[in-house]
C-alpha atoms as a PDB file:
ATOM      1  CA  MET A   1      -7.030   0.350   7.801  1.00  0.00           C
ATOM      2  CA  ASP A   2      -7.668   2.600   4.579  1.00  0.00           C
ATOM      3  CA  THR A   3      -4.342   2.952   2.738  1.00  0.00           C
ATOM      4  CA  LEU A   4      -5.545   6.196   1.147  1.00  0.00           C
ATOM      5  CA  LYS A   5      -5.536   7.849   4.169  1.00  0.00           C
ATOM      6  CA  ILE A   6      -2.030   7.299   4.877  1.00  0.00           C
ATOM      7  CA  LYS A   7      -0.804   8.112   1.163  1.00  0.00           C
ATOM      8  CA  ILE A   8      -3.032  11.681   1.990  1.00  0.00           C
ATOM      9  CA  VAL A   9      -0.954  12.028   5.518  1.00  0.00           C
ATOM     10  CA  LEU A  10       2.646  11.494   3.574  1.00  0.00           C
ATOM     11  CA  MET A  11       1.669  13.924   1.089  1.00  0.00           C
ATOM     12  CA  ALA A  12       0.828  16.164   3.566  1.00  0.00           C
ATOM     13  CA  ALA A  13       3.704  15.580   5.010  1.00  0.00           C
ATOM     14  CA  LYS A  14       5.877  16.221   1.598  1.00  0.00           C
ATOM     15  CA  TYR A  15       4.114  19.096   0.722  1.00  0.00           C
ATOM     16  CA  LYS A  16       3.684  21.164   3.570  1.00  0.00           C
ATOM     17  CA  SER A  17       0.587  22.444   2.170  1.00  0.00           C
ATOM     18  CA  LEU A  18      -2.596  20.590   1.740  1.00  0.00           C
ATOM     19  CA  SER A  19      -3.940  22.549  -1.056  1.00  0.00           C
ATOM     20  CA  ARG A  20      -0.940  21.208  -3.148  1.00  0.00           C
ATOM     21  CA  ALA A  21      -1.106  17.692  -1.693  1.00  0.00           C
ATOM     22  CA  ALA A  22      -4.830  17.660  -2.320  1.00  0.00           C
ATOM     23  CA  GLU A  23      -3.977  18.670  -5.756  1.00  0.00           C
ATOM     24  CA  GLU A  24      -1.472  15.951  -6.425  1.00  0.00           C
ATOM     25  CA  LEU A  25      -3.761  13.402  -5.663  1.00  0.00           C
ATOM     26  CA  SER A  26      -6.828  14.577  -7.068  1.00  0.00           C
ATOM     27  CA  TYR A  27      -8.767  15.800  -4.115  1.00  0.00           C
ATOM     28  CA  THR A  28     -10.404  19.184  -3.687  1.00  0.00           C
ATOM     29  CA  PRO A  29      -8.733  21.204  -0.435  1.00  0.00           C
ATOM     30  CA  SER A  30     -11.780  20.544   2.008  1.00  0.00           C
ATOM     31  CA  ALA A  31     -12.582  17.027   0.849  1.00  0.00           C
ATOM     32  CA  PHE A  32      -8.734  16.259   1.713  1.00  0.00           C
ATOM     33  CA  SER A  33      -8.816  18.063   5.196  1.00  0.00           C
ATOM     34  CA  ARG A  34     -12.013  16.783   6.074  1.00  0.00           C
ATOM     35  CA  THR A  35     -10.362  13.116   5.459  1.00  0.00           C
ATOM     36  CA  LEU A  36      -7.250  14.003   7.384  1.00  0.00           C
ATOM     37  CA  SER A  37      -9.084  15.707  10.397  1.00  0.00           C
ATOM     38  CA  THR A  38     -11.417  12.563  10.428  1.00  0.00           C
ATOM     39  CA  PHE A  39      -8.290  10.315  10.336  1.00  0.00           C
ATOM     40  CA  GLU A  40      -6.072  11.938  13.050  1.00  0.00           C
ATOM     41  CA  LYS A  41      -9.713  11.881  15.488  1.00  0.00           C
ATOM     42  CA  GLU A  42      -9.675   7.821  14.660  1.00  0.00           C
ATOM     43  CA  LEU A  43      -6.128   7.972  15.187  1.00  0.00           C
ATOM     44  CA  GLY A  44      -6.322   9.779  18.218  1.00  0.00           C
ATOM     45  CA  VAL A  45      -3.419  11.825  17.685  1.00  0.00           C
ATOM     46  CA  GLU A  46      -2.529  15.246  16.236  1.00  0.00           C
ATOM     47  CA  LEU A  47      -0.669  14.586  13.148  1.00  0.00           C
ATOM     48  CA  PHE A  48      -0.296  18.475  11.859  1.00  0.00           C
ATOM     49  CA  LYS A  49       0.004  21.656  13.400  1.00  0.00           C
ATOM     50  CA  ARG A  50      -2.075  24.014  11.137  1.00  0.00           C
ATOM     51  CA  SER A  51      -1.195  27.461   9.535  1.00  0.00           C
ATOM     52  CA  ASN A  52      -2.742  30.061   7.451  1.00  0.00           C
ATOM     53  CA  ILE A  53       0.949  28.814   5.629  1.00  0.00           C
ATOM     54  CA  GLY A  54       0.699  24.878   5.486  1.00  0.00           C
ATOM     55  CA  VAL A  55       0.947  22.513   7.996  1.00  0.00           C
ATOM     56  CA  GLU A  56       3.758  20.964  10.370  1.00  0.00           C
ATOM     57  CA  LEU A  57       4.220  17.750  11.634  1.00  0.00           C
ATOM     58  CA  THR A  58       3.960  16.893  15.178  1.00  0.00           C
ATOM     59  CA  SER A  59       6.471  15.192  17.357  1.00  0.00           C
ATOM     60  CA  ASP A  60       3.736  12.795  17.138  1.00  0.00           C
ATOM     61  CA  GLY A  61       2.624  12.609  13.746  1.00  0.00           C
ATOM     62  CA  GLU A  62       6.716  13.077  12.970  1.00  0.00           C
ATOM     63  CA  ARG A  63       6.856   9.388  15.278  1.00  0.00           C
ATOM     64  CA  MET A  64       3.991   7.971  12.767  1.00  0.00           C
ATOM     65  CA  ILE A  65       5.287   8.415   9.474  1.00  0.00           C
ATOM     66  CA  PRO A  66       7.542   6.151   9.583  1.00  0.00           C
ATOM     67  CA  HIS A  67       5.162   3.512  10.337  1.00  0.00           C
ATOM     68  CA  PHE A  68       2.731   4.696   7.744  1.00  0.00           C
ATOM     69  CA  GLU A  69       5.678   4.121   5.481  1.00  0.00           C
ATOM     70  CA  SER A  70       6.284   0.744   6.519  1.00  0.00           C
ATOM     71  CA  ILE A  71       2.364  -0.137   6.240  1.00  0.00           C
ATOM     72  CA  LEU A  72       2.543   1.363   2.620  1.00  0.00           C
ATOM     73  CA  SER A  73       5.518  -1.038   1.884  1.00  0.00           C
ATOM     74  CA  ALA A  74       3.838  -4.063   2.839  1.00  0.00           C
ATOM     75  CA  GLU A  75       0.929  -3.339   1.278  1.00  0.00           C
ATOM     76  CA  LYS A  76       2.978  -2.678  -2.378  1.00  0.00           C
ATOM     77  CA  ALA A  77       4.768  -6.532  -1.448  1.00  0.00           C
ATOM     78  CA  LEU A  78       0.988  -8.028  -1.402  1.00  0.00           C
ATOM     79  CA  PHE A  79      -0.010  -7.149  -4.618  1.00  0.00           C
ATOM     80  CA  ASP A  80       3.341  -7.984  -5.941  1.00  0.00           C
ATOM     81  CA  GLU A  81       3.158 -11.118  -4.529  1.00  0.00           C
ATOM     82  CA  ALA A  82      -0.433 -11.812  -5.585  1.00  0.00           C
ATOM     83  CA  ALA A  83       0.985 -10.917  -9.729  1.00  0.00           C
ATOM     84  CA  ARG A  84       3.404 -13.276  -8.927  1.00  0.00           C
ATOM     85  CA  MET A  85       0.925 -15.785  -8.006  1.00  0.00           C
ATOM     86  CA  ARG A  86      -1.540 -14.980 -10.799  1.00  0.00           C
ATOM     87  CA  ASN A  87       1.294 -14.791 -13.706  1.00  0.00           C
ATOM     88  CA  ASN A  88       2.679 -18.094 -12.121  1.00  0.00           C
ATOM     89  CA  ARG A  89      -0.643 -20.275 -12.075  1.00  0.00           C
ATOM     90  CA  ARG A  90      -0.855 -23.428 -14.322  1.00  0.00           C
ATOM     91  CA  ARG A  91      -3.659 -22.406 -17.034  1.00  0.00           C
ATOM     92  CA  GLU A  92      -6.297 -25.444 -17.283  1.00  0.00           C
ATOM     93  CA  LEU A  93      -7.428 -25.987 -21.099  1.00  0.00           C
ATOM     94  CA  LYS A  94     -10.332 -27.778 -21.300  1.00  0.00           C
ATOM     95  CA  ILE A  95     -11.497 -29.381 -24.623  1.00  0.00           C
ATOM     96  CA  GLY A  96     -14.519 -30.793 -25.599  1.00  0.00           C
ATOM     97  CA  THR A  97     -14.868 -32.795 -28.560  1.00  0.00           C
ATOM     98  CA  TYR A  98     -16.728 -36.144 -30.118  1.00  0.00           C
ATOM     99  CA  SER A  99     -14.899 -39.434 -29.195  1.00  0.00           C
ATOM    100  CA  SER A 100     -14.232 -39.980 -33.289  1.00  0.00           C
ATOM    101  CA  ILE A 101     -11.987 -37.107 -33.249  1.00  0.00           C
ATOM    102  CA  LEU A 102     -10.221 -37.708 -29.633  1.00  0.00           C
ATOM    103  CA  ARG A 103      -9.260 -40.509 -31.179  1.00  0.00           C
ATOM    104  CA  SER A 104      -7.698 -39.699 -34.341  1.00  0.00           C
ATOM    105  CA  TYR A 105      -6.544 -36.167 -34.266  1.00  0.00           C
ATOM    106  CA  LEU A 106      -6.551 -35.129 -30.057  1.00  0.00           C
ATOM    107  CA  THR A 107      -3.518 -37.060 -29.029  1.00  0.00           C
ATOM    108  CA  GLN A 108      -1.399 -35.787 -31.821  1.00  0.00           C
ATOM    109  CA  ILE A 109      -2.656 -31.872 -31.433  1.00  0.00           C
ATOM    110  CA  LEU A 110      -2.075 -32.305 -27.445  1.00  0.00           C
ATOM    111  CA  LYS A 111       1.255 -33.470 -28.150  1.00  0.00           C
ATOM    112  CA  ASP A 112       2.857 -30.745 -30.756  1.00  0.00           C
ATOM    113  CA  PHE A 113       1.119 -28.261 -28.118  1.00  0.00           C
ATOM    114  CA  HIS A 114       2.428 -29.713 -25.478  1.00  0.00           C
ATOM    115  CA  GLU A 115       6.337 -29.274 -26.935  1.00  0.00           C
END
C-alpha cells in the first residue's frame, strides 16, 4: 500500500480542507483531490464528505484513521530499525599490498589501528 495516500488522508482529516492539506504536502489542490478520490475507490470506502466549506470524515473514515496511523507508525519503525542495522553493521576493510610490506609493516599498523 502506498503510504503517501495515507498521509494525504490524515492531512485532510487534520486540516478539514483539501486545499490546506495539499499546500502542506506541496501538492496542487486538484492532484491532491484526485489522489484522495482514487484512494477511496481503491478502498471501496468513502472517507470524506466534501462541501464548499471543506471536508469532514465520514463514520467509515473515522473508523479507518486508527488503522492508517498504525500503518504509518509501523512504517516509521521499519525504517528506524533498518537505520539501526546499517549503523551497527560491521565494516570490512580490505588492504592490497606486496608481501614484503605485509611482513614488515602491516601487522603493526593493523594492531595499532585495532587498538
